[in-house]
C-alpha atoms as a PDB file:
ATOM      1  CA  UNK A   1     -10.369 -17.763 -14.854  1.00  0.00           C
ATOM      2  CA  UNK A   2     -12.138 -15.018 -12.861  1.00  0.00           C
ATOM      3  CA  UNK A   3     -10.595 -13.475  -9.748  1.00  0.00           C
ATOM      4  CA  UNK A   4     -11.975 -15.173  -6.627  1.00  0.00           C
ATOM      5  CA  UNK A   5     -10.785 -16.300  -3.170  1.00  0.00           C
ATOM      6  CA  UNK A   6      -7.455 -18.189  -3.221  1.00  0.00           C
ATOM      7  CA  UNK A   7      -6.528 -17.020  -6.742  1.00  0.00           C
ATOM      8  CA  UNK A   8      -3.157 -15.348  -7.230  1.00  0.00           C
ATOM      9  CA  UNK A   9      -3.570 -12.100  -9.161  1.00  0.00           C
ATOM     10  CA  UNK A  10      -0.720 -10.225 -10.869  1.00  0.00           C
ATOM     11  CA  UNK A  11      -1.562  -6.683 -11.890  1.00  0.00           C
ATOM     12  CA  UNK A  12       0.017  -3.394 -12.863  1.00  0.00           C
ATOM     13  CA  UNK A  13      -1.385  -0.227 -11.388  1.00  0.00           C
ATOM     14  CA  UNK A  14      -1.018   3.486 -11.143  1.00  0.00           C
ATOM     15  CA  UNK A  15      -2.682   5.419  -8.346  1.00  0.00           C
ATOM     16  CA  UNK A  16      -3.696   9.090  -8.335  1.00  0.00           C
ATOM     17  CA  UNK A  17      -4.974  11.392  -5.581  1.00  0.00           C
ATOM     18  CA  UNK A  18      -8.097  13.620  -5.645  1.00  0.00           C
ATOM     19  CA  UNK A  19      -6.214  16.218  -7.720  1.00  0.00           C
ATOM     20  CA  UNK A  20      -5.386  13.618 -10.373  1.00  0.00           C
ATOM     21  CA  UNK A  21      -1.689  13.673  -9.419  1.00  0.00           C
ATOM     22  CA  UNK A  22       0.005  10.280  -9.842  1.00  0.00           C
ATOM     23  CA  UNK A  23       1.276   9.007  -6.481  1.00  0.00           C
ATOM     24  CA  UNK A  24       2.602   5.564  -7.453  1.00  0.00           C
ATOM     25  CA  UNK A  25       3.046   3.458 -10.569  1.00  0.00           C
ATOM     26  CA  UNK A  26       4.160  -0.172 -10.889  1.00  0.00           C
ATOM     27  CA  UNK A  27       4.628  -0.302 -14.664  1.00  0.00           C
ATOM     28  CA  UNK A  28       8.417   0.158 -14.621  1.00  0.00           C
ATOM     29  CA  UNK A  29       8.945  -2.961 -12.484  1.00  0.00           C
ATOM     30  CA  UNK A  30       7.341  -6.293 -11.649  1.00  0.00           C
ATOM     31  CA  UNK A  31       3.546  -6.446 -11.505  1.00  0.00           C
ATOM     32  CA  UNK A  32       2.061  -6.485  -8.005  1.00  0.00           C
ATOM     33  CA  UNK A  33       1.040  -9.990  -6.887  1.00  0.00           C
ATOM     34  CA  UNK A  34      -1.415 -10.842  -4.142  1.00  0.00           C
ATOM     35  CA  UNK A  35      -3.575 -13.705  -2.907  1.00  0.00           C
ATOM     36  CA  UNK A  36      -7.230 -12.743  -3.359  1.00  0.00           C
ATOM     37  CA  UNK A  37      -9.473 -12.884  -0.290  1.00  0.00           C
ATOM     38  CA  UNK A  38      -6.698 -12.621   2.320  1.00  0.00           C
ATOM     39  CA  UNK A  39      -6.600  -8.860   2.972  1.00  0.00           C
ATOM     40  CA  UNK A  40      -3.191  -8.414   1.341  1.00  0.00           C
ATOM     41  CA  UNK A  41      -4.258  -5.254  -0.507  1.00  0.00           C
ATOM     42  CA  UNK A  42      -6.654  -2.449   0.430  1.00  0.00           C
ATOM     43  CA  UNK A  43     -10.297  -3.540   0.665  1.00  0.00           C
ATOM     44  CA  UNK A  44     -11.680  -1.251  -2.051  1.00  0.00           C
ATOM     45  CA  UNK A  45      -9.179  -2.614  -4.550  1.00  0.00           C
ATOM     46  CA  UNK A  46      -9.798  -6.236  -3.620  1.00  0.00           C
ATOM     47  CA  UNK A  47     -13.577  -5.689  -4.047  1.00  0.00           C
ATOM     48  CA  UNK A  48     -13.033  -4.072  -7.471  1.00  0.00           C
ATOM     49  CA  UNK A  49     -10.847  -6.975  -8.669  1.00  0.00           C
ATOM     50  CA  UNK A  50     -13.386  -9.666  -7.660  1.00  0.00           C
ATOM     51  CA  UNK A  51     -14.732 -11.486 -10.746  1.00  0.00           C
ATOM     52  CA  UNK A  52     -12.375  -9.751 -13.221  1.00  0.00           C
ATOM     53  CA  UNK A  53     -10.120 -11.682 -15.611  1.00  0.00           C
ATOM     54  CA  UNK A  54      -6.573 -11.515 -17.008  1.00  0.00           C
ATOM     55  CA  UNK A  55      -6.368  -8.833 -19.690  1.00  0.00           C
ATOM     56  CA  UNK A  56      -9.005  -6.603 -18.047  1.00  0.00           C
ATOM     57  CA  UNK A  57      -8.081  -2.929 -17.656  1.00  0.00           C
ATOM     58  CA  UNK A  58     -10.233  -0.638 -15.540  1.00  0.00           C
ATOM     59  CA  UNK A  59     -10.245   2.321 -13.156  1.00  0.00           C
ATOM     60  CA  UNK A  60     -11.667   2.343  -9.658  1.00  0.00           C
ATOM     61  CA  UNK A  61     -11.993   5.203  -7.174  1.00  0.00           C
ATOM     62  CA  UNK A  62     -11.638   4.120  -3.552  1.00  0.00           C
ATOM     63  CA  UNK A  63     -12.815   6.196  -0.572  1.00  0.00           C
ATOM     64  CA  UNK A  64     -10.601   6.461   2.555  1.00  0.00           C
ATOM     65  CA  UNK A  65     -12.712   3.959   4.540  1.00  0.00           C
ATOM     66  CA  UNK A  66     -11.831   1.240   1.987  1.00  0.00           C
ATOM     67  CA  UNK A  67      -8.261   2.477   1.417  1.00  0.00           C
ATOM     68  CA  UNK A  68      -5.891   3.722   4.146  1.00  0.00           C
ATOM     69  CA  UNK A  69      -8.530   4.953   6.612  1.00  0.00           C
ATOM     70  CA  UNK A  70      -9.425   8.435   7.763  1.00  0.00           C
ATOM     71  CA  UNK A  71      -6.811  10.738   9.240  1.00  0.00           C
ATOM     72  CA  UNK A  72      -6.574  10.635  13.031  1.00  0.00           C
ATOM     73  CA  UNK A  73      -5.998  14.035  14.611  1.00  0.00           C
ATOM     74  CA  UNK A  74      -4.197  12.538  17.645  1.00  0.00           C
ATOM     75  CA  UNK A  75      -1.593  10.809  15.502  1.00  0.00           C
ATOM     76  CA  UNK A  76       1.304  13.250  16.056  1.00  0.00           C
ATOM     77  CA  UNK A  77       4.072  11.847  18.251  1.00  0.00           C
ATOM     78  CA  UNK A  78       7.434  13.207  19.413  1.00  0.00           C
ATOM     79  CA  UNK A  79      10.338  10.858  18.652  1.00  0.00           C
ATOM     80  CA  UNK A  80      14.129  11.142  18.957  1.00  0.00           C
ATOM     81  CA  UNK A  81      15.558  12.227  15.589  1.00  0.00           C
ATOM     82  CA  UNK A  82      18.065   9.342  15.739  1.00  0.00           C
ATOM     83  CA  UNK A  83      15.096   6.930  15.351  1.00  0.00           C
ATOM     84  CA  UNK A  84      14.125   8.377  11.947  1.00  0.00           C
ATOM     85  CA  UNK A  85      15.493   6.375   9.013  1.00  0.00           C
ATOM     86  CA  UNK A  86      15.814   7.468   5.396  1.00  0.00           C
ATOM     87  CA  UNK A  87      17.707  10.779   5.401  1.00  0.00           C
ATOM     88  CA  UNK A  88      20.507  12.652   7.182  1.00  0.00           C
ATOM     89  CA  UNK A  89      18.700  15.998   7.558  1.00  0.00           C
ATOM     90  CA  UNK A  90      14.973  16.220   8.171  1.00  0.00           C
ATOM     91  CA  UNK A  91      12.509  18.864   7.027  1.00  0.00           C
ATOM     92  CA  UNK A  92       8.727  19.059   7.523  1.00  0.00           C
ATOM     93  CA  UNK A  93       6.819  17.088   4.892  1.00  0.00           C
ATOM     94  CA  UNK A  94       9.510  14.441   4.439  1.00  0.00           C
ATOM     95  CA  UNK A  95       8.552  10.782   4.879  1.00  0.00           C
ATOM     96  CA  UNK A  96      10.647   8.832   7.368  1.00  0.00           C
ATOM     97  CA  UNK A  97      10.676   5.210   8.427  1.00  0.00           C
ATOM     98  CA  UNK A  98      10.553   4.273  12.118  1.00  0.00           C
ATOM     99  CA  UNK A  99      10.695   0.878  13.809  1.00  0.00           C
ATOM    100  CA  UNK A 100       7.618   0.066  15.915  1.00  0.00           C
ATOM    101  CA  UNK A 101       6.419  -3.030  17.774  1.00  0.00           C
ATOM    102  CA  UNK A 102       4.399  -3.793  14.605  1.00  0.00           C
ATOM    103  CA  UNK A 103       7.489  -3.505  12.379  1.00  0.00           C
ATOM    104  CA  UNK A 104       8.666  -0.606  10.167  1.00  0.00           C
ATOM    105  CA  UNK A 105       6.178   2.237   9.560  1.00  0.00           C
ATOM    106  CA  UNK A 106       6.180   5.313   7.391  1.00  0.00           C
ATOM    107  CA  UNK A 107       5.553   8.629   9.120  1.00  0.00           C
ATOM    108  CA  UNK A 108       5.459  12.218   7.895  1.00  0.00           C
ATOM    109  CA  UNK A 109       7.778  14.692   9.622  1.00  0.00           C
ATOM    110  CA  UNK A 110       5.755  17.652  10.964  1.00  0.00           C
ATOM    111  CA  UNK A 111       8.341  19.634  12.945  1.00  0.00           C
ATOM    112  CA  UNK A 112      12.054  19.203  13.629  1.00  0.00           C
ATOM    113  CA  UNK A 113      13.724  20.324  16.829  1.00  0.00           C
ATOM    114  CA  UNK A 114      17.266  19.923  18.172  1.00  0.00           C
ATOM    115  CA  UNK A 115      16.987  16.295  19.381  1.00  0.00           C
ATOM    116  CA  UNK A 116      13.359  15.428  18.722  1.00  0.00           C
ATOM    117  CA  UNK A 117      10.982  15.511  15.765  1.00  0.00           C
ATOM    118  CA  UNK A 118       7.198  15.593  15.743  1.00  0.00           C
ATOM    119  CA  UNK A 119       5.904  12.998  13.274  1.00  0.00           C
ATOM    120  CA  UNK A 120       2.435  12.245  11.958  1.00  0.00           C
ATOM    121  CA  UNK A 121       1.843   8.483  12.240  1.00  0.00           C
ATOM    122  CA  UNK A 122      -1.127   8.492   9.863  1.00  0.00           C
ATOM    123  CA  UNK A 123      -0.408   6.525   6.656  1.00  0.00           C
ATOM    124  CA  UNK A 124       0.781   9.142   4.096  1.00  0.00           C
ATOM    125  CA  UNK A 125      -2.335   8.327   2.010  1.00  0.00           C
ATOM    126  CA  UNK A 126      -4.799   8.284   4.944  1.00  0.00           C
ATOM    127  CA  UNK A 127      -7.879  10.441   4.380  1.00  0.00           C
ATOM    128  CA  UNK A 128      -7.377  10.442   0.608  1.00  0.00           C
ATOM    129  CA  UNK A 129      -9.788   9.230  -2.034  1.00  0.00           C
ATOM    130  CA  UNK A 130      -7.564   7.351  -4.494  1.00  0.00           C
ATOM    131  CA  UNK A 131      -8.111   6.384  -8.123  1.00  0.00           C
ATOM    132  CA  UNK A 132      -6.410   3.209  -9.348  1.00  0.00           C
ATOM    133  CA  UNK A 133      -5.838   2.355 -13.020  1.00  0.00           C
ATOM    134  CA  UNK A 134      -5.490  -1.411 -13.118  1.00  0.00           C
ATOM    135  CA  UNK A 135      -4.305  -3.868 -15.749  1.00  0.00           C
ATOM    136  CA  UNK A 136      -4.684  -7.533 -14.764  1.00  0.00           C
ATOM    137  CA  UNK A 137      -1.695  -9.472 -16.140  1.00  0.00           C
ATOM    138  CA  UNK A 138      -2.375 -12.983 -14.836  1.00  0.00           C
ATOM    139  CA  UNK A 139      -4.829 -14.924 -12.673  1.00  0.00           C
ATOM    140  CA  UNK A 140      -3.844 -18.387 -11.442  1.00  0.00           C
ATOM    141  CA  UNK A 141      -4.823 -20.827  -8.724  1.00  0.00           C
ATOM    142  CA  UNK A 142      -2.762 -20.483  -5.562  1.00  0.00           C
ATOM    143  CA  UNK A 143      -0.847 -23.527  -4.351  1.00  0.00           C
ATOM    144  CA  UNK A 144      -1.444 -25.078  -0.921  1.00  0.00           C
ATOM    145  CA  UNK A 145       1.592 -23.335   0.635  1.00  0.00           C
ATOM    146  CA  UNK A 146       0.453 -19.908  -0.553  1.00  0.00           C
ATOM    147  CA  UNK A 147      -3.033 -20.490   0.851  1.00  0.00           C
ATOM    148  CA  UNK A 148      -1.596 -21.774   4.161  1.00  0.00           C
ATOM    149  CA  UNK A 149       0.675 -18.724   4.472  1.00  0.00           C
ATOM    150  CA  UNK A 150      -1.929 -16.234   3.213  1.00  0.00           C
ATOM    151  CA  UNK A 151       0.388 -14.634   0.619  1.00  0.00           C
ATOM    152  CA  UNK A 152       2.034 -15.205  -2.762  1.00  0.00           C
ATOM    153  CA  UNK A 153       5.446 -16.869  -3.168  1.00  0.00           C
ATOM    154  CA  UNK A 154       7.760 -16.321  -6.149  1.00  0.00           C
ATOM    155  CA  UNK A 155       7.838 -13.353  -8.566  1.00  0.00           C
ATOM    156  CA  UNK A 156       6.044 -10.276  -7.193  1.00  0.00           C
ATOM    157  CA  UNK A 157       5.298 -12.038  -3.893  1.00  0.00           C
ATOM    158  CA  UNK A 158       7.133 -12.851  -0.661  1.00  0.00           C
ATOM    159  CA  UNK A 159      10.458 -14.654  -0.875  1.00  0.00           C
ATOM    160  CA  UNK A 160      11.864 -16.985   1.764  1.00  0.00           C
END
């Protein structure tokens, strides 16, 4: 069954940056699961998976415009240190989590002062061309609930 809209796809991946350094790898845990055609994964990856089948392994290089976007220069904000979650002591370069109106977001700490920190709100992988090594584990039809909700339920998906 080829990957097309409203198919659930389970895949393992590793992702590397322009220097070939591995940034993330799913192989030690559950495969990633998503509902194809609903924008649940980055666009360049969804396009590359279209029409593939279970058992396929391939690599795809995705430019920033189809991954996490280009870096915005105006994305540095000053926030109270007490709003940073994930560590007790902060140093530049560390990734923190902050609560926003849109839910939790990852930011990169740029500068730390006495009470405030300057954080870069760009996605940590914004502006990067990324290479994904993909292994498709399973392709199945989504059920009506998954299609209605726009995401996968059960293993590797969203739980209620």
